[in-house]
Amino acid sequence: MSLYGRIFLLNAAVLVLATGLLLGPVTVSSPVLAGEAIVLLVGLVLMLVLNAALLRVGLAPLGRLGRAMATADLRRPEPRPEVTGRGEIADLTAAYNAMLDRLEAERTTSSGRVLLAQEAERQRIARELHDEVGQTLTAVLLQLKHTADHAPVELREDLRQAQETTRAGLEEIRRIARRLRPGVLEELGLHSALRSLAGELSTSRLRVTTHLAPGTGPLDPATELVVYRVAQEGLTNAARHAGAAHVELRLGPAPGGGVRLLVRDDGRGTAGAAEGAGIGGMRERALLVGADLRIGPGETGGTEVRLDLPAYPETGPVPPPSAPASVRSLRPPTPGHER
């Protein structure tokens, strides 16, 4: 029955009850007696209560749909509202679910294009840092060495310090370029790239341990890049914001099938802090490969970042249905092959 028919029947039932009271033994004198007024007031209250209860029952599906609309978040796909019954409410719920599907597909497409452009820009900046800035600093370093070899003795120490400062800057430029463009991921694979990343972030104040289980199954390049970037962001957050002394990086089979990436630290935790651009970027990347990303407190404190990748068939990984063909590969073209 339609929503219009339900409301009409509910109000009709109330009016029938009122008519029954008037046609019954209830009479009204002039002036109205106290007993008659009490009977009329009680009847009015009963009709209002009955009408309110019937309307609440009839409009309950709209309330559930409204709550689902208020809590919908395209970055965290949740079960769609269940389509129950027939009529306008069922049609509205189905239309809302279809709208969410379209919005998620459009968001995935646009996010994929943004991330693809971001990766290409990272590669461009990394090449410029390595080729332009790196070569310039190398030339400066050689010039300083030549000058120091021919300078008076009283200036040599200052020139040596300038050499060391330039050398440290050159190493920092190379480190930034490596993080912007994970060449080791393309050349040696995901496990080597994660070990290299953990080694770069390990310091005297932060110990990073890796547990990379073999036999996690083949992953396509887009998925490997997502795993690497999520691990990179998780480790960077632990090093910069968590105040952690130890971070654990794990990659292996998930309990329910598929592959699980786990980054767990012993820092101060999220403490209800708002999600920044880094976490938002991780969620966007996870959606592109159909993965489930959970960020929250760990079992023994600190913060835990868990990325669960879906199980792929034995024939090899295939892009998830939510990832359009235009964004199924997030890895930008290698240098020298740009179009």
C-alpha atoms as a PDB file:
ATOM      1  CA  MET A   1       0.000   0.000   0.000  1.00  0.00           C
ATOM      2  CA  SER A   2       1.217   3.487  -0.813  1.00  0.00           C
ATOM      3  CA  LEU A   3       2.160   6.046   1.832  1.00  0.00           C
ATOM      4  CA  TYR A   4      -0.834   8.127   0.841  1.00  0.00           C
ATOM      5  CA  GLY A   5      -3.186   5.172   1.360  1.00  0.00           C
ATOM      6  CA  ARG A   6      -1.698   4.367   4.764  1.00  0.00           C
ATOM      7  CA  ILE A   7      -2.036   7.912   6.088  1.00  0.00           C
ATOM      8  CA  PHE A   8      -5.578   8.137   4.688  1.00  0.00           C
ATOM      9  CA  LEU A   9      -6.606   4.905   6.424  1.00  0.00           C
ATOM     10  CA  LEU A  10      -4.995   5.974   9.703  1.00  0.00           C
ATOM     11  CA  ASN A  11      -6.840   9.286   9.747  1.00  0.00           C
ATOM     12  CA  ALA A  12     -10.039   7.583   8.580  1.00  0.00           C
ATOM     13  CA  ALA A  13      -9.836   5.200  11.547  1.00  0.00           C
ATOM     14  CA  VAL A  14      -9.568   8.157  13.936  1.00  0.00           C
ATOM     15  CA  LEU A  15     -12.522   9.937  12.305  1.00  0.00           C
ATOM     16  CA  VAL A  16     -14.610   6.750  12.461  1.00  0.00           C
ATOM     17  CA  LEU A  17     -13.858   6.532  16.174  1.00  0.00           C
ATOM     18  CA  ALA A  18     -14.927  10.151  16.656  1.00  0.00           C
ATOM     19  CA  THR A  19     -18.144   9.575  14.715  1.00  0.00           C
ATOM     20  CA  GLY A  20     -18.857   6.506  16.825  1.00  0.00           C
ATOM     21  CA  LEU A  21     -18.576   8.582  19.982  1.00  0.00           C
ATOM     22  CA  LEU A  22     -20.989  11.175  18.631  1.00  0.00           C
ATOM     23  CA  LEU A  23     -23.520   8.565  17.531  1.00  0.00           C
ATOM     24  CA  GLY A  24     -23.253   6.738  20.807  1.00  0.00           C
ATOM     25  CA  PRO A  25     -24.761   7.568  24.153  1.00  0.00           C
ATOM     26  CA  VAL A  26     -22.508  10.579  24.593  1.00  0.00           C
ATOM     27  CA  THR A  27     -24.499  13.836  24.621  1.00  0.00           C
ATOM     28  CA  VAL A  28     -23.479  17.445  25.076  1.00  0.00           C
ATOM     29  CA  SER A  29     -25.642  19.874  27.025  1.00  0.00           C
ATOM     30  CA  SER A  30     -25.623  23.614  26.936  1.00  0.00           C
ATOM     31  CA  PRO A  31     -23.938  24.675  29.063  1.00  0.00           C
ATOM     32  CA  VAL A  32     -21.515  21.686  28.989  1.00  0.00           C
ATOM     33  CA  LEU A  33     -21.613  19.646  32.137  1.00  0.00           C
ATOM     34  CA  ALA A  34     -18.388  18.627  33.894  1.00  0.00           C
ATOM     35  CA  GLY A  35     -18.958  14.911  33.224  1.00  0.00           C
ATOM     36  CA  GLU A  36     -19.566  15.518  29.539  1.00  0.00           C
ATOM     37  CA  ALA A  37     -16.436  17.652  29.240  1.00  0.00           C
ATOM     38  CA  ILE A  38     -14.373  14.913  30.851  1.00  0.00           C
ATOM     39  CA  VAL A  39     -15.737  12.315  28.427  1.00  0.00           C
ATOM     40  CA  LEU A  40     -14.988  14.553  25.421  1.00  0.00           C
ATOM     41  CA  LEU A  41     -11.471  15.311  26.627  1.00  0.00           C
ATOM     42  CA  VAL A  42     -10.733  11.630  27.249  1.00  0.00           C
ATOM     43  CA  GLY A  43     -12.020  10.769  23.773  1.00  0.00           C
ATOM     44  CA  LEU A  44      -9.894  13.517  22.218  1.00  0.00           C
ATOM     45  CA  VAL A  45      -6.781  12.300  24.032  1.00  0.00           C
ATOM     46  CA  LEU A  46      -7.426   8.720  22.929  1.00  0.00           C
ATOM     47  CA  MET A  47      -7.833   9.780  19.309  1.00  0.00           C
ATOM     48  CA  LEU A  48      -4.638  11.854  19.375  1.00  0.00           C
ATOM     49  CA  VAL A  49      -2.661   9.027  20.965  1.00  0.00           C
ATOM     50  CA  LEU A  50      -4.036   6.506  18.495  1.00  0.00           C
ATOM     51  CA  ASN A  51      -3.308   8.787  15.542  1.00  0.00           C
ATOM     52  CA  ALA A  52       0.244   9.428  16.750  1.00  0.00           C
ATOM     53  CA  ALA A  53       0.921   5.722  17.269  1.00  0.00           C
ATOM     54  CA  LEU A  54      -0.429   4.755  13.886  1.00  0.00           C
ATOM     55  CA  LEU A  55       1.513   7.489  12.127  1.00  0.00           C
ATOM     56  CA  ARG A  56       4.716   6.480  13.922  1.00  0.00           C
ATOM     57  CA  VAL A  57       4.286   2.909  12.708  1.00  0.00           C
ATOM     58  CA  GLY A  58       3.480   4.012   9.179  1.00  0.00           C
ATOM     59  CA  LEU A  59       6.385   6.490   8.900  1.00  0.00           C
ATOM     60  CA  ALA A  60       9.023   4.372  10.688  1.00  0.00           C
ATOM     61  CA  PRO A  61      10.684   3.310   7.387  1.00  0.00           C
ATOM     62  CA  LEU A  62      11.194   6.990   6.525  1.00  0.00           C
ATOM     63  CA  GLY A  63      12.905   7.521   9.870  1.00  0.00           C
ATOM     64  CA  ARG A  64      15.275   4.616   9.252  1.00  0.00           C
ATOM     65  CA  LEU A  65      16.060   5.939   5.797  1.00  0.00           C
ATOM     66  CA  GLY A  66      16.692   9.421   7.192  1.00  0.00           C
ATOM     67  CA  ARG A  67      19.160   8.064   9.764  1.00  0.00           C
ATOM     68  CA  ALA A  68      20.951   6.129   7.034  1.00  0.00           C
ATOM     69  CA  MET A  69      21.204   9.295   4.948  1.00  0.00           C
ATOM     70  CA  ALA A  70      22.576  11.291   7.895  1.00  0.00           C
ATOM     71  CA  THR A  71      25.341   8.769   8.622  1.00  0.00           C
ATOM     72  CA  ALA A  72      26.316   7.883   5.042  1.00  0.00           C
ATOM     73  CA  ASP A  73      30.047   8.246   4.329  1.00  0.00           C
ATOM     74  CA  LEU A  74      31.327   7.347   0.875  1.00  0.00           C
ATOM     75  CA  ARG A  75      34.845   6.836   2.271  1.00  0.00           C
ATOM     76  CA  ARG A  76      33.556   4.039   4.505  1.00  0.00           C
ATOM     77  CA  PRO A  77      31.119   1.851   2.580  1.00  0.00           C
ATOM     78  CA  GLU A  78      28.457   0.390   4.845  1.00  0.00           C
ATOM     79  CA  PRO A  79      25.536  -1.991   4.218  1.00  0.00           C
ATOM     80  CA  ARG A  80      22.779  -0.327   2.268  1.00  0.00           C
ATOM     81  CA  PRO A  81      19.385   0.318   3.907  1.00  0.00           C
ATOM     82  CA  GLU A  82      17.167  -2.724   3.449  1.00  0.00           C
ATOM     83  CA  VAL A  83      14.313  -2.302   0.992  1.00  0.00           C
ATOM     84  CA  THR A  84      11.192  -3.582   2.754  1.00  0.00           C
ATOM     85  CA  GLY A  85       7.548  -3.553   1.766  1.00  0.00           C
ATOM     86  CA  ARG A  86       6.076  -1.925  -1.285  1.00  0.00           C
ATOM     87  CA  GLY A  87       5.025   1.542  -2.330  1.00  0.00           C
ATOM     88  CA  GLU A  88       6.687   4.937  -2.237  1.00  0.00           C
ATOM     89  CA  ILE A  89       8.951   4.214   0.754  1.00  0.00           C
ATOM     90  CA  ALA A  90      10.368   1.065  -0.840  1.00  0.00           C
ATOM     91  CA  ASP A  91      10.881   2.932  -4.118  1.00  0.00           C
ATOM     92  CA  LEU A  92      12.572   5.807  -2.273  1.00  0.00           C
ATOM     93  CA  THR A  93      14.912   3.414  -0.425  1.00  0.00           C
ATOM     94  CA  ALA A  94      15.831   1.640  -3.658  1.00  0.00           C
ATOM     95  CA  ALA A  95      16.463   4.969  -5.391  1.00  0.00           C
ATOM     96  CA  TYR A  96      18.660   6.091  -2.488  1.00  0.00           C
ATOM     97  CA  ASN A  97      20.720   2.893  -2.676  1.00  0.00           C
ATOM     98  CA  ALA A  98      21.140   3.333  -6.436  1.00  0.00           C
ATOM     99  CA  MET A  99      22.226   6.947  -5.871  1.00  0.00           C
ATOM    100  CA  LEU A 100      24.857   5.798  -3.351  1.00  0.00           C
ATOM    101  CA  ASP A 101      26.173   3.267  -5.877  1.00  0.00           C
ATOM    102  CA  ARG A 102      26.501   5.974  -8.529  1.00  0.00           C
ATOM    103  CA  LEU A 103      28.164   8.399  -6.107  1.00  0.00           C
ATOM    104  CA  GLU A 104      30.654   5.755  -4.983  1.00  0.00           C
ATOM    105  CA  ALA A 105      31.502   4.893  -8.590  1.00  0.00           C
ATOM    106  CA  GLU A 106      31.969   8.562  -9.479  1.00  0.00           C
ATOM    107  CA  ARG A 107      34.021   9.187  -6.332  1.00  0.00           C
ATOM    108  CA  THR A 108      36.206   6.179  -7.079  1.00  0.00           C
ATOM    109  CA  THR A 109      36.779   7.390 -10.632  1.00  0.00           C
ATOM    110  CA  SER A 110      37.631  10.952  -9.610  1.00  0.00           C
ATOM    111  CA  SER A 111      39.796   9.808  -6.691  1.00  0.00           C
ATOM    112  CA  GLY A 112      41.657   7.429  -8.962  1.00  0.00           C
ATOM    113  CA  ARG A 113      42.405  10.210 -11.408  1.00  0.00           C
ATOM    114  CA  VAL A 114      43.589  12.476  -8.600  1.00  0.00           C
ATOM    115  CA  LEU A 115      45.838   9.792  -7.140  1.00  0.00           C
ATOM    116  CA  LEU A 116      47.182   8.910 -10.576  1.00  0.00           C
ATOM    117  CA  ALA A 117      48.027  12.566 -11.177  1.00  0.00           C
ATOM    118  CA  GLN A 118      49.574  12.742  -7.721  1.00  0.00           C
ATOM    119  CA  GLU A 119      51.821   9.766  -8.401  1.00  0.00           C
ATOM    120  CA  ALA A 120      52.877  11.247 -11.737  1.00  0.00           C
ATOM    121  CA  GLU A 121      53.646  14.564 -10.060  1.00  0.00           C
ATOM    122  CA  ARG A 122      55.653  12.787  -7.386  1.00  0.00           C
ATOM    123  CA  GLN A 123      57.727  11.103 -10.049  1.00  0.00           C
ATOM    124  CA  ARG A 124      58.286  14.382 -11.847  1.00  0.00           C
ATOM    125  CA  ILE A 125      59.407  16.121  -8.648  1.00  0.00           C
ATOM    126  CA  ALA A 126      61.630  13.175  -7.721  1.00  0.00           C
ATOM    127  CA  ARG A 127      63.320  13.272 -11.133  1.00  0.00           C
ATOM    128  CA  GLU A 128      63.869  17.019 -10.891  1.00  0.00           C
ATOM    129  CA  LEU A 129      65.275  16.691  -7.375  1.00  0.00           C
ATOM    130  CA  HIS A 130      67.608  13.923  -8.478  1.00  0.00           C
ATOM    131  CA  ASP A 131      68.616  15.303 -11.872  1.00  0.00           C
ATOM    132  CA  GLU A 132      68.573  19.062 -11.310  1.00  0.00           C
ATOM    133  CA  VAL A 133      69.043  19.788  -7.604  1.00  0.00           C
ATOM    134  CA  GLY A 134      71.118  16.676  -7.000  1.00  0.00           C
ATOM    135  CA  GLN A 135      73.511  17.415  -9.857  1.00  0.00           C
ATOM    136  CA  THR A 136      73.809  21.045  -8.787  1.00  0.00           C
ATOM    137  CA  LEU A 137      74.693  20.063  -5.227  1.00  0.00           C
ATOM    138  CA  THR A 138      77.164  17.505  -6.539  1.00  0.00           C
ATOM    139  CA  ALA A 139      78.867  20.219  -8.612  1.00  0.00           C
ATOM    140  CA  VAL A 140      78.940  22.505  -5.562  1.00  0.00           C
ATOM    141  CA  LEU A 141      80.455  19.696  -3.501  1.00  0.00           C
ATOM    142  CA  LEU A 142      83.214  19.121  -6.072  1.00  0.00           C
ATOM    143  CA  GLN A 143      83.895  22.857  -6.311  1.00  0.00           C
ATOM    144  CA  LEU A 144      84.157  23.108  -2.532  1.00  0.00           C
ATOM    145  CA  LYS A 145      86.608  20.211  -2.501  1.00  0.00           C
ATOM    146  CA  HIS A 146      88.719  21.855  -5.187  1.00  0.00           C
ATOM    147  CA  THR A 147      88.633  25.168  -3.330  1.00  0.00           C
ATOM    148  CA  ALA A 148      89.491  23.531  -0.010  1.00  0.00           C
ATOM    149  CA  ASP A 149      92.517  21.808  -1.562  1.00  0.00           C
ATOM    150  CA  HIS A 150      93.923  25.139  -2.744  1.00  0.00           C
ATOM    151  CA  ALA A 151      92.716  27.407   0.047  1.00  0.00           C
ATOM    152  CA  PRO A 152      94.882  28.790   2.853  1.00  0.00           C
ATOM    153  CA  VAL A 153      95.132  26.634   5.935  1.00  0.00           C
ATOM    154  CA  GLU A 154      92.990  28.983   8.067  1.00  0.00           C
ATOM    155  CA  LEU A 155      90.036  28.591   5.635  1.00  0.00           C
ATOM    156  CA  ARG A 156      90.201  24.878   5.047  1.00  0.00           C
ATOM    157  CA  GLU A 157      88.245  23.945   8.191  1.00  0.00           C
ATOM    158  CA  ASP A 158      85.365  26.230   7.246  1.00  0.00           C
ATOM    159  CA  LEU A 159      85.357  24.821   3.730  1.00  0.00           C
ATOM    160  CA  ARG A 160      85.360  21.261   5.096  1.00  0.00           C
ATOM    161  CA  GLN A 161      82.306  22.103   7.191  1.00  0.00           C
ATOM    162  CA  ALA A 162      80.617  23.572   4.127  1.00  0.00           C
ATOM    163  CA  GLN A 163      81.422  20.334   2.304  1.00  0.00           C
ATOM    164  CA  GLU A 164      79.821  18.240   5.032  1.00  0.00           C
ATOM    165  CA  THR A 165      76.734  20.457   5.083  1.00  0.00           C
ATOM    166  CA  THR A 166      76.405  20.193   1.307  1.00  0.00           C
ATOM    167  CA  ARG A 167      76.915  16.430   1.432  1.00  0.00           C
ATOM    168  CA  ALA A 168      74.210  16.114   4.117  1.00  0.00           C
ATOM    169  CA  GLY A 169      71.859  18.211   1.996  1.00  0.00           C
ATOM    170  CA  LEU A 170      72.569  16.016  -1.014  1.00  0.00           C
ATOM    171  CA  GLU A 171      71.782  12.879   0.967  1.00  0.00           C
ATOM    172  CA  GLU A 172      68.540  14.443   2.205  1.00  0.00           C
ATOM    173  CA  ILE A 173      67.549  15.314  -1.357  1.00  0.00           C
ATOM    174  CA  ARG A 174      68.201  11.734  -2.453  1.00  0.00           C
ATOM    175  CA  ARG A 175      66.208  10.373   0.485  1.00  0.00           C
ATOM    176  CA  ILE A 176      63.249  12.598  -0.361  1.00  0.00           C
ATOM    177  CA  ALA A 177      63.458  11.557  -4.016  1.00  0.00           C
ATOM    178  CA  ARG A 178      63.432   7.868  -3.039  1.00  0.00           C
ATOM    179  CA  ARG A 179      60.337   8.367  -0.899  1.00  0.00           C
ATOM    180  CA  LEU A 180      58.567  10.291  -3.638  1.00  0.00           C
ATOM    181  CA  ARG A 181      59.325   7.627  -6.239  1.00  0.00           C
ATOM    182  CA  PRO A 182      59.639   4.113  -4.790  1.00  0.00           C
ATOM    183  CA  GLY A 183      61.927   2.761  -7.495  1.00  0.00           C
ATOM    184  CA  VAL A 184      62.774  -0.229  -5.315  1.00  0.00           C
ATOM    185  CA  LEU A 185      59.107  -1.262  -5.546  1.00  0.00           C
ATOM    186  CA  GLU A 186      59.333  -1.577  -9.317  1.00  0.00           C
ATOM    187  CA  GLU A 187      62.800  -3.116  -9.337  1.00  0.00           C
ATOM    188  CA  LEU A 188      62.839  -5.518  -6.367  1.00  0.00           C
ATOM    189  CA  GLY A 189      59.213  -6.000  -5.342  1.00  0.00           C
ATOM    190  CA  LEU A 190      56.940  -5.171  -2.428  1.00  0.00           C
ATOM    191  CA  HIS A 191      58.831  -6.982   0.335  1.00  0.00           C
ATOM    192  CA  SER A 192      62.121  -5.285  -0.472  1.00  0.00           C
ATOM    193  CA  ALA A 193      60.399  -1.922  -0.737  1.00  0.00           C
ATOM    194  CA  LEU A 194      58.789  -2.325   2.694  1.00  0.00           C
ATOM    195  CA  ARG A 195      62.111  -3.378   4.262  1.00  0.00           C
ATOM    196  CA  SER A 196      63.808  -0.366   2.676  1.00  0.00           C
ATOM    197  CA  LEU A 197      61.052   1.913   3.967  1.00  0.00           C
ATOM    198  CA  ALA A 198      61.377   0.508   7.483  1.00  0.00           C
ATOM    199  CA  GLY A 199      65.136   0.973   7.359  1.00  0.00           C
ATOM    200  CA  GLU A 200      64.805   4.617   6.291  1.00  0.00           C
ATOM    201  CA  LEU A 201      62.466   5.441   9.193  1.00  0.00           C
ATOM    202  CA  SER A 202      64.390   3.518  11.855  1.00  0.00           C
ATOM    203  CA  THR A 203      66.331   5.846  14.152  1.00  0.00           C
ATOM    204  CA  SER A 204      67.865   5.770  17.597  1.00  0.00           C
ATOM    205  CA  ARG A 205      64.499   6.900  19.011  1.00  0.00           C
ATOM    206  CA  LEU A 206      62.259   4.708  16.843  1.00  0.00           C
ATOM    207  CA  ARG A 207      62.745   1.011  16.215  1.00  0.00           C
ATOM    208  CA  VAL A 208      60.860  -0.441  13.250  1.00  0.00           C
ATOM    209  CA  THR A 209      60.574  -4.218  12.979  1.00  0.00           C
ATOM    210  CA  THR A 210      59.218  -6.008   9.923  1.00  0.00           C
ATOM    211  CA  HIS A 211      57.472  -9.370   9.667  1.00  0.00           C
ATOM    212  CA  LEU A 212      56.859 -10.111   5.997  1.00  0.00           C
ATOM    213  CA  ALA A 213      55.416 -13.555   5.488  1.00  0.00           C
ATOM    214  CA  PRO A 214      56.238 -15.299   2.203  1.00  0.00           C
ATOM    215  CA  GLY A 215      53.534 -16.676   0.009  1.00  0.00           C
ATOM    216  CA  THR A 216      51.107 -13.778   0.289  1.00  0.00           C
ATOM    217  CA  GLY A 217      50.108 -14.330  -3.313  1.00  0.00           C
ATOM    218  CA  PRO A 218      50.738 -12.180  -6.371  1.00  0.00           C
ATOM    219  CA  LEU A 219      49.445  -8.624  -6.274  1.00  0.00           C
ATOM    220  CA  ASP A 220      48.944  -6.397  -9.268  1.00  0.00           C
ATOM    221  CA  PRO A 221      51.034  -3.201  -9.513  1.00  0.00           C
ATOM    222  CA  ALA A 222      48.165  -0.938  -8.427  1.00  0.00           C
ATOM    223  CA  THR A 223      47.570  -3.002  -5.280  1.00  0.00           C
ATOM    224  CA  GLU A 224      51.283  -3.129  -4.452  1.00  0.00           C
ATOM    225  CA  LEU A 225      51.479   0.649  -4.726  1.00  0.00           C
ATOM    226  CA  VAL A 226      48.457   1.029  -2.425  1.00  0.00           C
ATOM    227  CA  VAL A 227      50.046  -1.293   0.159  1.00  0.00           C
ATOM    228  CA  TYR A 228      53.329   0.615  -0.030  1.00  0.00           C
ATOM    229  CA  ARG A 229      51.696   4.043   0.330  1.00  0.00           C
ATOM    230  CA  VAL A 230      49.505   2.940   3.255  1.00  0.00           C
ATOM    231  CA  ALA A 231      52.549   1.474   5.009  1.00  0.00           C
ATOM    232  CA  GLN A 232      54.516   4.645   4.281  1.00  0.00           C
ATOM    233  CA  GLU A 233      51.803   6.894   5.704  1.00  0.00           C
ATOM    234  CA  GLY A 234      51.305   4.681   8.754  1.00  0.00           C
ATOM    235  CA  LEU A 235      55.024   4.595   9.554  1.00  0.00           C
ATOM    236  CA  THR A 236      55.396   8.329   8.944  1.00  0.00           C
ATOM    237  CA  ASN A 237      52.507   9.128  11.301  1.00  0.00           C
ATOM    238  CA  ALA A 238      54.019   6.890  13.966  1.00  0.00           C
ATOM    239  CA  ALA A 239      57.390   8.601  13.609  1.00  0.00           C
ATOM    240  CA  ARG A 240      56.110  12.177  13.532  1.00  0.00           C
ATOM    241  CA  HIS A 241      52.951  12.303  15.638  1.00  0.00           C
ATOM    242  CA  ALA A 242      52.614   9.222  17.845  1.00  0.00           C
ATOM    243  CA  GLY A 243      55.703   9.657  20.001  1.00  0.00           C
ATOM    244  CA  ALA A 244      56.300   5.921  19.621  1.00  0.00           C
ATOM    245  CA  ALA A 245      59.456   4.007  20.475  1.00  0.00           C
ATOM    246  CA  HIS A 246      58.611   0.858  18.517  1.00  0.00           C
ATOM    247  CA  VAL A 247      56.604   0.243  15.344  1.00  0.00           C
ATOM    248  CA  GLU A 248      55.703  -3.180  13.987  1.00  0.00           C
ATOM    249  CA  LEU A 249      55.132  -3.666  10.270  1.00  0.00           C
ATOM    250  CA  ARG A 250      53.483  -6.929   9.227  1.00  0.00           C
ATOM    251  CA  LEU A 251      52.411  -8.270   5.851  1.00  0.00           C
ATOM    252  CA  GLY A 252      50.912 -11.713   5.460  1.00  0.00           C
ATOM    253  CA  PRO A 253      47.778 -13.727   4.805  1.00  0.00           C
ATOM    254  CA  ALA A 254      44.578 -12.455   6.394  1.00  0.00           C
ATOM    255  CA  PRO A 255      42.587 -14.823   8.638  1.00  0.00           C
ATOM    256  CA  GLY A 256      39.597 -14.846   6.284  1.00  0.00           C
ATOM    257  CA  GLY A 257      41.649 -15.030   3.102  1.00  0.00           C
ATOM    258  CA  GLY A 258      43.411 -12.355   1.144  1.00  0.00           C
ATOM    259  CA  VAL A 259      46.351 -10.272   2.365  1.00  0.00           C
ATOM    260  CA  ARG A 260      46.647  -8.133   5.483  1.00  0.00           C
ATOM    261  CA  LEU A 261      48.993  -5.198   6.107  1.00  0.00           C
ATOM    262  CA  LEU A 262      49.381  -4.197   9.750  1.00  0.00           C
ATOM    263  CA  VAL A 263      51.214  -1.160  11.141  1.00  0.00           C
ATOM    264  CA  ARG A 264      51.119  -1.079  14.943  1.00  0.00           C
ATOM    265  CA  ASP A 265      52.951   1.345  17.257  1.00  0.00           C
ATOM    266  CA  ASP A 266      53.211   1.877  21.013  1.00  0.00           C
ATOM    267  CA  GLY A 267      52.618   5.638  20.919  1.00  0.00           C
ATOM    268  CA  ARG A 268      49.982   7.880  22.413  1.00  0.00           C
ATOM    269  CA  GLY A 269      47.201   6.751  20.093  1.00  0.00           C
ATOM    270  CA  THR A 270      44.703   8.792  18.138  1.00  0.00           C
ATOM    271  CA  ALA A 271      42.884  10.071  21.276  1.00  0.00           C
ATOM    272  CA  GLY A 272      39.862  11.098  19.216  1.00  0.00           C
ATOM    273  CA  ALA A 273      41.908  13.361  16.939  1.00  0.00           C
ATOM    274  CA  ALA A 274      40.313  14.393  13.663  1.00  0.00           C
ATOM    275  CA  GLU A 275      41.455  12.580  10.548  1.00  0.00           C
ATOM    276  CA  GLY A 276      43.895  14.546   8.445  1.00  0.00           C
ATOM    277  CA  ALA A 277      44.714  14.469   4.764  1.00  0.00           C
ATOM    278  CA  GLY A 278      47.086  11.530   5.229  1.00  0.00           C
ATOM    279  CA  ILE A 279      44.454   9.204   6.660  1.00  0.00           C
ATOM    280  CA  GLY A 280      41.933  10.431   4.110  1.00  0.00           C
ATOM    281  CA  GLY A 281      44.391   9.558   1.348  1.00  0.00           C
ATOM    282  CA  MET A 282      44.835   6.064   2.798  1.00  0.00           C
ATOM    283  CA  ARG A 283      41.075   5.519   2.763  1.00  0.00           C
ATOM    284  CA  GLU A 284      40.834   6.714  -0.839  1.00  0.00           C
ATOM    285  CA  ARG A 285      43.580   4.314  -1.917  1.00  0.00           C
ATOM    286  CA  ALA A 286      41.977   1.414  -0.065  1.00  0.00           C
ATOM    287  CA  LEU A 287      38.660   2.007  -1.823  1.00  0.00           C
ATOM    288  CA  LEU A 288      40.348   1.905  -5.228  1.00  0.00           C
ATOM    289  CA  VAL A 289      41.464  -1.718  -4.760  1.00  0.00           C
ATOM    290  CA  GLY A 290      38.395  -2.867  -2.827  1.00  0.00           C
ATOM    291  CA  ALA A 291      40.304  -3.158   0.457  1.00  0.00           C
ATOM    292  CA  ASP A 292      39.069  -2.585   3.996  1.00  0.00           C
ATOM    293  CA  LEU A 293      41.050  -0.038   6.039  1.00  0.00           C
ATOM    294  CA  ARG A 294      40.650   0.236   9.804  1.00  0.00           C
ATOM    295  CA  ILE A 295      42.497   2.744  11.984  1.00  0.00           C
ATOM    296  CA  GLY A 296      42.090   2.704  15.747  1.00  0.00           C
ATOM    297  CA  PRO A 297      43.646   1.816  19.081  1.00  0.00           C
ATOM    298  CA  GLY A 298      45.790  -1.305  19.242  1.00  0.00           C
ATOM    299  CA  GLU A 299      45.244  -4.216  21.589  1.00  0.00           C
ATOM    300  CA  THR A 300      47.965  -2.992  23.965  1.00  0.00           C
ATOM    301  CA  GLY A 301      47.648   0.741  23.270  1.00  0.00           C
ATOM    302  CA  GLY A 302      49.035   2.933  20.577  1.00  0.00           C
ATOM    303  CA  THR A 303      47.586   3.031  17.085  1.00  0.00           C
ATOM    304  CA  GLU A 304      46.884   0.184  14.695  1.00  0.00           C
ATOM    305  CA  VAL A 305      46.491   0.591  10.939  1.00  0.00           C
ATOM    306  CA  ARG A 306      45.060  -2.534   9.322  1.00  0.00           C
ATOM    307  CA  LEU A 307      44.564  -2.939   5.579  1.00  0.00           C
ATOM    308  CA  ASP A 308      42.743  -6.099   4.477  1.00  0.00           C
ATOM    309  CA  LEU A 309      42.965  -6.850   0.788  1.00  0.00           C
ATOM    310  CA  PRO A 310      40.364  -9.150  -0.777  1.00  0.00           C
ATOM    311  CA  ALA A 311      41.241 -12.695  -1.793  1.00  0.00           C
ATOM    312  CA  TYR A 312      41.979 -12.944  -5.495  1.00  0.00           C
ATOM    313  CA  PRO A 313      41.208 -16.025  -7.600  1.00  0.00           C
ATOM    314  CA  GLU A 314      44.023 -18.404  -8.441  1.00  0.00           C
ATOM    315  CA  THR A 315      44.223 -17.031 -11.962  1.00  0.00           C
ATOM    316  CA  GLY A 316      45.665 -13.845 -10.532  1.00  0.00           C
ATOM    317  CA  PRO A 317      44.486 -10.567  -9.107  1.00  0.00           C
ATOM    318  CA  VAL A 318      41.782  -8.692 -10.915  1.00  0.00           C
ATOM    319  CA  PRO A 319      40.647  -5.144 -10.268  1.00  0.00           C
ATOM    320  CA  PRO A 320      37.580  -4.942  -7.989  1.00  0.00           C
ATOM    321  CA  PRO A 321      34.243  -4.042  -9.559  1.00  0.00           C
ATOM    322  CA  SER A 322      34.250  -0.671  -7.789  1.00  0.00           C
ATOM    323  CA  ALA A 323      37.407   0.411  -9.605  1.00  0.00           C
ATOM    324  CA  PRO A 324      36.673   1.711 -13.101  1.00  0.00           C
ATOM    325  CA  ALA A 325      38.951   0.688 -15.923  1.00  0.00           C
ATOM    326  CA  SER A 326      40.364   4.201 -16.149  1.00  0.00           C
ATOM    327  CA  VAL A 327      41.803   4.011 -12.627  1.00  0.00           C
ATOM    328  CA  ARG A 328      42.713   0.340 -12.299  1.00  0.00           C
ATOM    329  CA  SER A 329      46.408   1.115 -12.526  1.00  0.00           C
ATOM    330  CA  LEU A 330      47.699   3.801 -10.214  1.00  0.00           C
ATOM    331  CA  ARG A 331      51.325   3.394 -11.187  1.00  0.00           C
ATOM    332  CA  PRO A 332      52.344   6.238 -13.480  1.00  0.00           C
ATOM    333  CA  PRO A 333      54.431   5.557 -16.575  1.00  0.00           C
ATOM    334  CA  THR A 334      58.123   5.015 -16.032  1.00  0.00           C
ATOM    335  CA  PRO A 335      60.546   7.786 -16.980  1.00  0.00           C
ATOM    336  CA  GLY A 336      61.090   8.025 -20.706  1.00  0.00           C
ATOM    337  CA  HIS A 337      57.690   6.511 -21.513  1.00  0.00           C
ATOM    338  CA  GLU A 338      55.363   9.428 -20.725  1.00  0.00           C
ATOM    339  CA  ARG A 339      52.657  10.184 -23.169  1.00  0.00           C
END
